[in-house]
All heavy atoms as atom14 arrays in JSON, in Angstrom:
{
  "sequence": "ISIPIDEQGQLIINYRVSAEDFHSQAMGYNLMALGLSDKANNQAS",
  "atom14_mask": [
    [1, 1, 1, 1, 1, 1, 1, 1, 0, 0, 0, 0, 0, 0],
    [1, 1, 1, 1, 1, 1, 0, 0, 0, 0, 0, 0, 0, 0],
    [1, 1, 1, 1, 1, 1, 1, 1, 0, 0, 0, 0, 0, 0],
    [1, 1, 1, 1, 1, 1, 1, 0, 0, 0, 0, 0, 0, 0],
    [1, 1, 1, 1, 1, 1, 1, 1, 0, 0, 0, 0, 0, 0],
    [1, 1, 1, 1, 1, 1, 1, 1, 0, 0, 0, 0, 0, 0],
    [1, 1, 1, 1, 1, 1, 1, 1, 1, 0, 0, 0, 0, 0],
    [1, 1, 1, 1, 1, 1, 1, 1, 1, 0, 0, 0, 0, 0],
    [1, 1, 1, 1, 0, 0, 0, 0, 0, 0, 0, 0, 0, 0],
    [1, 1, 1, 1, 1, 1, 1, 1, 1, 0, 0, 0, 0, 0],
    [1, 1, 1, 1, 1, 1, 1, 1, 0, 0, 0, 0, 0, 0],
    [1, 1, 1, 1, 1, 1, 1, 1, 0, 0, 0, 0, 0, 0],
    [1, 1, 1, 1, 1, 1, 1, 1, 0, 0, 0, 0, 0, 0],
    [1, 1, 1, 1, 1, 1, 1, 1, 0, 0, 0, 0, 0, 0],
    [1, 1, 1, 1, 1, 1, 1, 1, 1, 1, 1, 1, 0, 0],
    [1, 1, 1, 1, 1, 1, 1, 1, 1, 1, 1, 0, 0, 0],
    [1, 1, 1, 1, 1, 1, 1, 0, 0, 0, 0, 0, 0, 0],
    [1, 1, 1, 1, 1, 1, 0, 0, 0, 0, 0, 0, 0, 0],
    [1, 1, 1, 1, 1, 0, 0, 0, 0, 0, 0, 0, 0, 0],
    [1, 1, 1, 1, 1, 1, 1, 1, 1, 0, 0, 0, 0, 0],
    [1, 1, 1, 1, 1, 1, 1, 1, 0, 0, 0, 0, 0, 0],
    [1, 1, 1, 1, 1, 1, 1, 1, 1, 1, 1, 0, 0, 0],
    [1, 1, 1, 1, 1, 1, 1, 1, 1, 1, 0, 0, 0, 0],
    [1, 1, 1, 1, 1, 1, 0, 0, 0, 0, 0, 0, 0, 0],
    [1, 1, 1, 1, 1, 1, 1, 1, 1, 0, 0, 0, 0, 0],
    [1, 1, 1, 1, 1, 0, 0, 0, 0, 0, 0, 0, 0, 0],
    [1, 1, 1, 1, 1, 1, 1, 1, 0, 0, 0, 0, 0, 0],
    [1, 1, 1, 1, 0, 0, 0, 0, 0, 0, 0, 0, 0, 0],
    [1, 1, 1, 1, 1, 1, 1, 1, 1, 1, 1, 1, 0, 0],
    [1, 1, 1, 1, 1, 1, 1, 1, 0, 0, 0, 0, 0, 0],
    [1, 1, 1, 1, 1, 1, 1, 1, 0, 0, 0, 0, 0, 0],
    [1, 1, 1, 1, 1, 1, 1, 1, 0, 0, 0, 0, 0, 0],
    [1, 1, 1, 1, 1, 0, 0, 0, 0, 0, 0, 0, 0, 0],
    [1, 1, 1, 1, 1, 1, 1, 1, 0, 0, 0, 0, 0, 0],
    [1, 1, 1, 1, 0, 0, 0, 0, 0, 0, 0, 0, 0, 0],
    [1, 1, 1, 1, 1, 1, 1, 1, 0, 0, 0, 0, 0, 0],
    [1, 1, 1, 1, 1, 1, 0, 0, 0, 0, 0, 0, 0, 0],
    [1, 1, 1, 1, 1, 1, 1, 1, 0, 0, 0, 0, 0, 0],
    [1, 1, 1, 1, 1, 1, 1, 1, 1, 0, 0, 0, 0, 0],
    [1, 1, 1, 1, 1, 0, 0, 0, 0, 0, 0, 0, 0, 0],
    [1, 1, 1, 1, 1, 1, 1, 1, 0, 0, 0, 0, 0, 0],
    [1, 1, 1, 1, 1, 1, 1, 1, 0, 0, 0, 0, 0, 0],
    [1, 1, 1, 1, 1, 1, 1, 1, 1, 0, 0, 0, 0, 0],
    [1, 1, 1, 1, 1, 0, 0, 0, 0, 0, 0, 0, 0, 0],
    [1, 1, 1, 1, 1, 1, 0, 0, 0, 0, 0, 0, 0, 0]
  ],
  "atom14_positions": [
    [[8.99, -41.35, -34.26], [8.57, -40.88, -35.56], [8.21, -39.35, -35.41], [7.62, -38.9, -34.4], [7.19, -41.65, -35.92], [7.49, -42.93, -36.17], [6.57, -40.85, -37.21], [6.21, -43.81, -36.45], [0.0, 0.0, 0.0], [0.0, 0.0, 0.0], [0.0, 0.0, 0.0], [0.0, 0.0, 0.0], [0.0, 0.0, 0.0], [0.0, 0.0, 0.0]],
    [[8.68, -38.68, -36.32], [8.54, -37.18, -36.41], [7.59, -36.8, -37.53], [7.96, -37.19, -38.68], [9.92, -36.37, -36.47], [10.67, -36.63, -35.24], [0.0, 0.0, 0.0], [0.0, 0.0, 0.0], [0.0, 0.0, 0.0], [0.0, 0.0, 0.0], [0.0, 0.0, 0.0], [0.0, 0.0, 0.0], [0.0, 0.0, 0.0], [0.0, 0.0, 0.0]],
    [[6.67, -35.98, -37.28], [5.67, -35.48, -38.34], [5.76, -34.0, -38.44], [5.52, -33.32, -37.42], [4.31, -36.02, -38.14], [4.3, -37.6, -37.91], [3.46, -35.56, -39.27], [2.93, -38.04, -37.4], [0.0, 0.0, 0.0], [0.0, 0.0, 0.0], [0.0, 0.0, 0.0], [0.0, 0.0, 0.0], [0.0, 0.0, 0.0], [0.0, 0.0, 0.0]],
    [[6.22, -33.31, -39.55], [6.29, -31.92, -39.52], [4.86, -31.27, -39.55], [3.93, -31.81, -40.19], [6.96, -31.58, -40.86], [6.68, -32.82, -41.7], [6.6, -34.0, -40.78], [0.0, 0.0, 0.0], [0.0, 0.0, 0.0], [0.0, 0.0, 0.0], [0.0, 0.0, 0.0], [0.0, 0.0, 0.0], [0.0, 0.0, 0.0], [0.0, 0.0, 0.0]],
    [[4.64, -30.17, -38.84], [3.41, -29.39, -38.77], [3.69, -27.98, -38.83], [4.8, -27.49, -38.54], [2.59, -29.75, -37.55], [3.43, -29.48, -36.27], [2.03, -31.14, -37.56], [2.55, -29.59, -34.97], [0.0, 0.0, 0.0], [0.0, 0.0, 0.0], [0.0, 0.0, 0.0], [0.0, 0.0, 0.0], [0.0, 0.0, 0.0], [0.0, 0.0, 0.0]],
    [[2.8, -27.11, -39.36], [2.9, -25.77, -39.36], [2.47, -25.07, -38.12], [2.07, -25.79, -37.02], [2.17, -25.15, -40.58], [0.74, -25.4, -40.52], [0.1, -25.75, -39.56], [0.18, -25.26, -41.66], [0.0, 0.0, 0.0], [0.0, 0.0, 0.0], [0.0, 0.0, 0.0], [0.0, 0.0, 0.0], [0.0, 0.0, 0.0], [0.0, 0.0, 0.0]],
    [[2.24, -23.72, -38.11], [1.91, -22.97, -36.88], [0.48, -23.2, -36.51], [0.07, -23.05, -35.33], [2.12, -21.49, -37.04], [3.56, -21.01, -37.24], [4.17, -21.3, -38.59], [3.52, -21.84, -39.51], [5.37, -21.18, -38.74], [0.0, 0.0, 0.0], [0.0, 0.0, 0.0], [0.0, 0.0, 0.0], [0.0, 0.0, 0.0], [0.0, 0.0, 0.0]],
    [[-0.41, -23.89, -37.28], [-1.68, -24.19, -37.02], [-1.88, -25.71, -36.77], [-3.01, -26.2, -36.6], [-2.63, -23.79, -38.24], [-2.86, -22.4, -38.45], [-3.69, -21.97, -39.59], [-3.37, -22.19, -40.72], [-4.9, -21.48, -39.28], [0.0, 0.0, 0.0], [0.0, 0.0, 0.0], [0.0, 0.0, 0.0], [0.0, 0.0, 0.0], [0.0, 0.0, 0.0]],
    [[-0.81, -26.39, -36.62], [-0.84, -27.85, -36.21], [-1.18, -28.63, -37.35], [-1.66, -29.82, -37.21], [0.0, 0.0, 0.0], [0.0, 0.0, 0.0], [0.0, 0.0, 0.0], [0.0, 0.0, 0.0], [0.0, 0.0, 0.0], [0.0, 0.0, 0.0], [0.0, 0.0, 0.0], [0.0, 0.0, 0.0], [0.0, 0.0, 0.0], [0.0, 0.0, 0.0]],
    [[-0.87, -28.1, -38.63], [-1.31, -28.91, -39.74], [-0.21, -29.6, -40.54], [0.97, -29.04, -40.52], [-2.01, -27.91, -40.86], [-3.33, -27.26, -40.24], [-3.8, -26.24, -41.25], [-5.03, -26.28, -41.54], [-3.03, -25.31, -41.76], [0.0, 0.0, 0.0], [0.0, 0.0, 0.0], [0.0, 0.0, 0.0], [0.0, 0.0, 0.0], [0.0, 0.0, 0.0]],
    [[-0.5, -30.73, -41.24], [0.49, -31.45, -41.93], [0.27, -30.97, -43.37], [-0.9, -31.19, -43.82], [0.41, -32.93, -41.81], [1.05, -33.83, -42.76], [2.69, -33.74, -42.66], [0.52, -35.22, -42.78], [0.0, 0.0, 0.0], [0.0, 0.0, 0.0], [0.0, 0.0, 0.0], [0.0, 0.0, 0.0], [0.0, 0.0, 0.0], [0.0, 0.0, 0.0]],
    [[1.24, -30.65, -44.21], [1.13, -30.43, -45.63], [1.23, -31.9, -46.22], [2.15, -32.58, -46.11], [2.25, -29.64, -46.27], [2.2, -28.17, -45.57], [2.13, -29.54, -47.65], [3.36, -27.21, -45.98], [0.0, 0.0, 0.0], [0.0, 0.0, 0.0], [0.0, 0.0, 0.0], [0.0, 0.0, 0.0], [0.0, 0.0, 0.0], [0.0, 0.0, 0.0]],
    [[0.09, -32.32, -46.77], [0.07, -33.7, -47.32], [0.96, -33.95, -48.42], [0.88, -33.07, -49.54], [-1.4, -34.02, -47.66], [-2.33, -33.82, -46.49], [-1.54, -35.54, -48.14], [-3.86, -33.98, -46.85], [0.0, 0.0, 0.0], [0.0, 0.0, 0.0], [0.0, 0.0, 0.0], [0.0, 0.0, 0.0], [0.0, 0.0, 0.0], [0.0, 0.0, 0.0]],
    [[1.8, -34.9, -48.36], [2.73, -35.21, -49.55], [2.22, -36.49, -50.18], [2.63, -37.63, -49.9], [4.19, -35.47, -48.85], [5.17, -35.55, -49.92], [4.98, -35.37, -51.16], [6.45, -36.0, -49.54], [0.0, 0.0, 0.0], [0.0, 0.0, 0.0], [0.0, 0.0, 0.0], [0.0, 0.0, 0.0], [0.0, 0.0, 0.0], [0.0, 0.0, 0.0]],
    [[1.32, -36.37, -51.03], [0.55, -37.48, -51.76], [1.69, -38.34, -52.4], [2.47, -37.92, -53.13], [-0.36, -37.01, -52.69], [-1.55, -36.55, -52.0], [-1.84, -35.07, -51.88], [-2.58, -37.32, -51.51], [-3.02, -34.54, -51.31], [-3.79, -36.85, -50.94], [-3.91, -35.38, -50.81], [-5.14, -34.96, -50.17], [0.0, 0.0, 0.0], [0.0, 0.0, 0.0]],
    [[1.5, -39.64, -52.16], [2.39, -40.69, -52.91], [1.66, -41.47, -53.92], [2.13, -42.1, -54.79], [3.08, -41.53, -51.89], [3.98, -40.84, -50.99], [5.26, -40.53, -51.67], [6.17, -39.88, -50.73], [7.47, -39.66, -51.16], [7.92, -40.03, -52.3], [8.27, -39.04, -50.24], [0.0, 0.0, 0.0], [0.0, 0.0, 0.0], [0.0, 0.0, 0.0]],
    [[0.35, -41.81, -53.66], [-0.43, -42.54, -54.4], [-1.88, -41.8, -54.71], [-2.21, -40.89, -54.01], [-0.86, -43.99, -53.77], [0.4, -44.67, -53.61], [-1.52, -43.85, -52.5], [0.0, 0.0, 0.0], [0.0, 0.0, 0.0], [0.0, 0.0, 0.0], [0.0, 0.0, 0.0], [0.0, 0.0, 0.0], [0.0, 0.0, 0.0], [0.0, 0.0, 0.0]],
    [[-2.6, -42.3, -55.67], [-3.89, -41.73, -55.99], [-4.93, -42.76, -55.54], [-4.68, -43.81, -55.07], [-4.07, -41.61, -57.54], [-4.19, -42.82, -58.16], [0.0, 0.0, 0.0], [0.0, 0.0, 0.0], [0.0, 0.0, 0.0], [0.0, 0.0, 0.0], [0.0, 0.0, 0.0], [0.0, 0.0, 0.0], [0.0, 0.0, 0.0], [0.0, 0.0, 0.0]],
    [[-6.17, -42.23, -55.57], [-7.3, -43.03, -54.98], [-7.37, -44.29, -55.81], [-7.76, -45.47, -55.22], [-8.6, -42.19, -55.02], [0.0, 0.0, 0.0], [0.0, 0.0, 0.0], [0.0, 0.0, 0.0], [0.0, 0.0, 0.0], [0.0, 0.0, 0.0], [0.0, 0.0, 0.0], [0.0, 0.0, 0.0], [0.0, 0.0, 0.0], [0.0, 0.0, 0.0]],
    [[-7.19, -44.19, -57.13], [-7.31, -45.31, -58.01], [-6.28, -46.43, -57.61], [-6.58, -47.62, -57.92], [-7.12, -44.88, -59.35], [-8.3, -44.11, -60.01], [-8.23, -42.64, -59.48], [-7.22, -42.29, -59.02], [-9.3, -41.91, -59.61], [0.0, 0.0, 0.0], [0.0, 0.0, 0.0], [0.0, 0.0, 0.0], [0.0, 0.0, 0.0], [0.0, 0.0, 0.0]],
    [[-5.14, -46.1, -57.07], [-4.15, -47.03, -56.76], [-4.6, -47.99, -55.61], [-4.06, -49.02, -55.43], [-2.96, -46.35, -56.26], [-2.2, -45.59, -57.32], [-2.38, -45.9, -58.51], [-1.56, -44.46, -57.04], [0.0, 0.0, 0.0], [0.0, 0.0, 0.0], [0.0, 0.0, 0.0], [0.0, 0.0, 0.0], [0.0, 0.0, 0.0], [0.0, 0.0, 0.0]],
    [[-5.52, -47.64, -54.85], [-6.1, -48.38, -53.63], [-7.16, -49.33, -54.21], [-7.85, -50.03, -53.41], [-6.79, -47.5, -52.64], [-5.69, -47.01, -51.66], [-5.13, -45.82, -51.87], [-5.43, -47.75, -50.61], [-4.11, -45.38, -50.91], [-4.41, -47.37, -49.76], [-3.88, -46.16, -49.9], [0.0, 0.0, 0.0], [0.0, 0.0, 0.0], [0.0, 0.0, 0.0]],
    [[-7.47, -49.48, -55.61], [-8.48, -50.31, -56.01], [-8.61, -51.72, -55.43], [-9.57, -52.33, -55.08], [-8.39, -50.39, -57.55], [-9.45, -51.2, -58.11], [-10.89, -50.71, -58.35], [-9.54, -52.53, -58.69], [-11.62, -51.65, -58.8], [-10.8, -52.68, -59.11], [0.0, 0.0, 0.0], [0.0, 0.0, 0.0], [0.0, 0.0, 0.0], [0.0, 0.0, 0.0]],
    [[-7.35, -52.33, -55.33], [-7.23, -53.61, -54.83], [-7.31, -53.83, -53.32], [-7.46, -54.83, -52.77], [-5.93, -54.35, -55.39], [-4.85, -53.64, -54.66], [0.0, 0.0, 0.0], [0.0, 0.0, 0.0], [0.0, 0.0, 0.0], [0.0, 0.0, 0.0], [0.0, 0.0, 0.0], [0.0, 0.0, 0.0], [0.0, 0.0, 0.0], [0.0, 0.0, 0.0]],
    [[-7.36, -52.63, -52.66], [-7.4, -52.51, -51.08], [-8.58, -51.78, -50.62], [-8.64, -51.42, -49.62], [-6.12, -51.89, -50.62], [-4.96, -52.7, -50.87], [-3.6, -51.97, -50.58], [-2.67, -52.02, -51.36], [-3.52, -51.23, -49.49], [0.0, 0.0, 0.0], [0.0, 0.0, 0.0], [0.0, 0.0, 0.0], [0.0, 0.0, 0.0], [0.0, 0.0, 0.0]],
    [[-9.65, -51.75, -51.46], [-10.97, -51.1, -51.13], [-12.09, -52.02, -51.55], [-12.05, -52.81, -52.49], [-11.06, -49.73, -51.83], [0.0, 0.0, 0.0], [0.0, 0.0, 0.0], [0.0, 0.0, 0.0], [0.0, 0.0, 0.0], [0.0, 0.0, 0.0], [0.0, 0.0, 0.0], [0.0, 0.0, 0.0], [0.0, 0.0, 0.0], [0.0, 0.0, 0.0]],
    [[-13.23, -51.86, -50.78], [-14.33, -52.71, -51.03], [-15.62, -52.01, -50.61], [-15.52, -51.2, -49.59], [-14.28, -54.09, -50.46], [-15.43, -55.0, -50.76], [-15.17, -56.62, -50.04], [-13.99, -57.34, -51.24], [0.0, 0.0, 0.0], [0.0, 0.0, 0.0], [0.0, 0.0, 0.0], [0.0, 0.0, 0.0], [0.0, 0.0, 0.0], [0.0, 0.0, 0.0]],
    [[-16.69, -52.08, -51.3], [-17.9, -51.6, -50.76], [-18.32, -52.22, -49.54], [-18.14, -53.4, -49.28], [0.0, 0.0, 0.0], [0.0, 0.0, 0.0], [0.0, 0.0, 0.0], [0.0, 0.0, 0.0], [0.0, 0.0, 0.0], [0.0, 0.0, 0.0], [0.0, 0.0, 0.0], [0.0, 0.0, 0.0], [0.0, 0.0, 0.0], [0.0, 0.0, 0.0]],
    [[-18.99, -51.37, -48.71], [-19.52, -51.82, -47.36], [-20.31, -53.08, -47.47], [-20.18, -54.07, -46.78], [-20.24, -50.64, -46.82], [-20.67, -50.78, -45.33], [-20.02, -50.28, -44.37], [-21.88, -51.53, -45.08], [-20.44, -50.38, -42.97], [-22.24, -51.71, -43.81], [-21.58, -51.1, -42.7], [-22.07, -51.27, -41.49], [0.0, 0.0, 0.0], [0.0, 0.0, 0.0]],
    [[-21.39, -52.94, -48.47], [-22.23, -54.15, -48.58], [-21.53, -55.4, -49.07], [-21.86, -56.56, -48.66], [-23.33, -53.71, -49.58], [-22.91, -53.46, -50.86], [-21.83, -52.99, -51.14], [-23.7, -53.82, -51.88], [0.0, 0.0, 0.0], [0.0, 0.0, 0.0], [0.0, 0.0, 0.0], [0.0, 0.0, 0.0], [0.0, 0.0, 0.0], [0.0, 0.0, 0.0]],
    [[-20.53, -55.22, -49.97], [-19.88, -56.45, -50.54], [-18.94, -57.15, -49.48], [-18.82, -58.34, -49.42], [-18.99, -56.09, -51.79], [-19.9, -55.63, -52.97], [-18.97, -55.3, -54.11], [-20.93, -56.6, -53.23], [0.0, 0.0, 0.0], [0.0, 0.0, 0.0], [0.0, 0.0, 0.0], [0.0, 0.0, 0.0], [0.0, 0.0, 0.0], [0.0, 0.0, 0.0]],
    [[-18.21, -56.28, -48.73], [-17.5, -56.83, -47.58], [-18.32, -57.36, -46.51], [-17.85, -58.54, -46.08], [-16.55, -55.67, -46.94], [-15.75, -56.14, -45.85], [-14.52, -55.03, -45.2], [-13.27, -55.18, -46.47], [0.0, 0.0, 0.0], [0.0, 0.0, 0.0], [0.0, 0.0, 0.0], [0.0, 0.0, 0.0], [0.0, 0.0, 0.0], [0.0, 0.0, 0.0]],
    [[-19.41, -56.97, -46.21], [-20.31, -57.47, -45.24], [-20.79, -58.91, -45.79], [-20.85, -59.89, -44.9], [-21.51, -56.47, -45.04], [0.0, 0.0, 0.0], [0.0, 0.0, 0.0], [0.0, 0.0, 0.0], [0.0, 0.0, 0.0], [0.0, 0.0, 0.0], [0.0, 0.0, 0.0], [0.0, 0.0, 0.0], [0.0, 0.0, 0.0], [0.0, 0.0, 0.0]],
    [[-21.06, -58.95, -47.01], [-21.53, -60.22, -47.63], [-20.49, -61.32, -47.62], [-20.63, -62.41, -47.18], [-21.99, -59.92, -49.15], [-22.32, -61.27, -49.85], [-23.54, -62.02, -49.22], [-22.67, -60.87, -51.33], [0.0, 0.0, 0.0], [0.0, 0.0, 0.0], [0.0, 0.0, 0.0], [0.0, 0.0, 0.0], [0.0, 0.0, 0.0], [0.0, 0.0, 0.0]],
    [[-19.21, -60.78, -47.89], [-18.07, -61.83, -47.94], [-17.82, -62.23, -46.57], [-17.53, -63.46, -46.22], [0.0, 0.0, 0.0], [0.0, 0.0, 0.0], [0.0, 0.0, 0.0], [0.0, 0.0, 0.0], [0.0, 0.0, 0.0], [0.0, 0.0, 0.0], [0.0, 0.0, 0.0], [0.0, 0.0, 0.0], [0.0, 0.0, 0.0], [0.0, 0.0, 0.0]],
    [[-17.75, -61.37, -45.52], [-17.54, -61.8, -44.16], [-18.65, -62.69, -43.63], [-18.36, -63.64, -42.88], [-17.48, -60.54, -43.19], [-16.37, -59.66, -43.53], [-16.46, -58.26, -42.75], [-15.01, -60.28, -43.03], [0.0, 0.0, 0.0], [0.0, 0.0, 0.0], [0.0, 0.0, 0.0], [0.0, 0.0, 0.0], [0.0, 0.0, 0.0], [0.0, 0.0, 0.0]],
    [[-19.91, -62.38, -44.11], [-21.02, -63.29, -43.61], [-20.83, -64.59, -44.13], [-21.02, -65.69, -43.48], [-22.31, -62.65, -44.0], [-23.43, -63.48, -43.74], [0.0, 0.0, 0.0], [0.0, 0.0, 0.0], [0.0, 0.0, 0.0], [0.0, 0.0, 0.0], [0.0, 0.0, 0.0], [0.0, 0.0, 0.0], [0.0, 0.0, 0.0], [0.0, 0.0, 0.0]],
    [[-20.35, -64.8, -45.48], [-20.34, -66.07, -46.11], [-19.14, -66.81, -45.38], [-19.26, -68.02, -45.07], [-19.94, -65.85, -47.58], [-21.03, -65.44, -48.44], [-22.1, -65.58, -47.96], [-20.82, -64.85, -49.61], [0.0, 0.0, 0.0], [0.0, 0.0, 0.0], [0.0, 0.0, 0.0], [0.0, 0.0, 0.0], [0.0, 0.0, 0.0], [0.0, 0.0, 0.0]],
    [[-18.08, -66.12, -45.13], [-16.99, -66.75, -44.4], [-17.37, -67.19, -43.03], [-17.02, -68.34, -42.56], [-15.76, -65.83, -44.23], [-14.49, -66.36, -43.66], [-13.38, -65.5, -43.83], [-12.16, -66.07, -43.11], [-10.92, -65.13, -43.27], [0.0, 0.0, 0.0], [0.0, 0.0, 0.0], [0.0, 0.0, 0.0], [0.0, 0.0, 0.0], [0.0, 0.0, 0.0]],
    [[-18.19, -66.47, -42.21], [-18.67, -66.85, -40.95], [-19.51, -68.03, -40.95], [-19.49, -68.95, -40.04], [-19.37, -65.67, -40.21], [0.0, 0.0, 0.0], [0.0, 0.0, 0.0], [0.0, 0.0, 0.0], [0.0, 0.0, 0.0], [0.0, 0.0, 0.0], [0.0, 0.0, 0.0], [0.0, 0.0, 0.0], [0.0, 0.0, 0.0], [0.0, 0.0, 0.0]],
    [[-20.2, -68.26, -42.21], [-21.07, -69.45, -42.34], [-20.41, -70.61, -43.12], [-21.09, -71.46, -43.61], [-22.36, -69.01, -43.11], [-23.29, -68.09, -42.23], [-23.55, -68.44, -41.07], [-23.61, -66.92, -42.74], [0.0, 0.0, 0.0], [0.0, 0.0, 0.0], [0.0, 0.0, 0.0], [0.0, 0.0, 0.0], [0.0, 0.0, 0.0], [0.0, 0.0, 0.0]],
    [[-19.06, -70.38, -43.28], [-18.35, -71.44, -43.93], [-18.86, -71.77, -45.35], [-18.81, -72.87, -45.88], [-18.3, -72.84, -43.2], [-17.6, -72.65, -41.82], [-16.51, -72.09, -41.78], [-18.16, -73.17, -40.82], [0.0, 0.0, 0.0], [0.0, 0.0, 0.0], [0.0, 0.0, 0.0], [0.0, 0.0, 0.0], [0.0, 0.0, 0.0], [0.0, 0.0, 0.0]],
    [[-19.14, -70.67, -46.09], [-19.64, -70.74, -47.39], [-18.67, -70.1, -48.31], [-17.93, -69.12, -48.02], [-21.09, -69.96, -47.58], [-22.12, -70.57, -46.74], [-23.39, -69.86, -46.89], [-23.45, -68.79, -47.56], [-24.48, -70.3, -46.16], [0.0, 0.0, 0.0], [0.0, 0.0, 0.0], [0.0, 0.0, 0.0], [0.0, 0.0, 0.0], [0.0, 0.0, 0.0]],
    [[-18.64, -70.71, -49.6], [-17.74, -70.05, -50.59], [-18.28, -68.68, -50.94], [-19.56, -68.5, -50.88], [-17.71, -70.9, -51.88], [0.0, 0.0, 0.0], [0.0, 0.0, 0.0], [0.0, 0.0, 0.0], [0.0, 0.0, 0.0], [0.0, 0.0, 0.0], [0.0, 0.0, 0.0], [0.0, 0.0, 0.0], [0.0, 0.0, 0.0], [0.0, 0.0, 0.0]],
    [[-17.41, -67.68, -51.26], [-17.96, -66.35, -51.56], [-17.05, -65.76, -52.67], [-15.9, -65.93, -52.74], [-17.75, -65.54, -50.28], [-18.19, -64.1, -50.46], [0.0, 0.0, 0.0], [0.0, 0.0, 0.0], [0.0, 0.0, 0.0], [0.0, 0.0, 0.0], [0.0, 0.0, 0.0], [0.0, 0.0, 0.0], [0.0, 0.0, 0.0], [0.0, 0.0, 0.0]]
  ]
}
């Protein structure tokens, strides 16, 4: 894999998606903790 960088070792970010596009792949810390806890206790969540 090759990643282009400039003289300062920086990548120019070539954005493909916006933050809103990650809506279905993001979760609040507290909600994920609750869901994982429910799962660990074999409870519906």
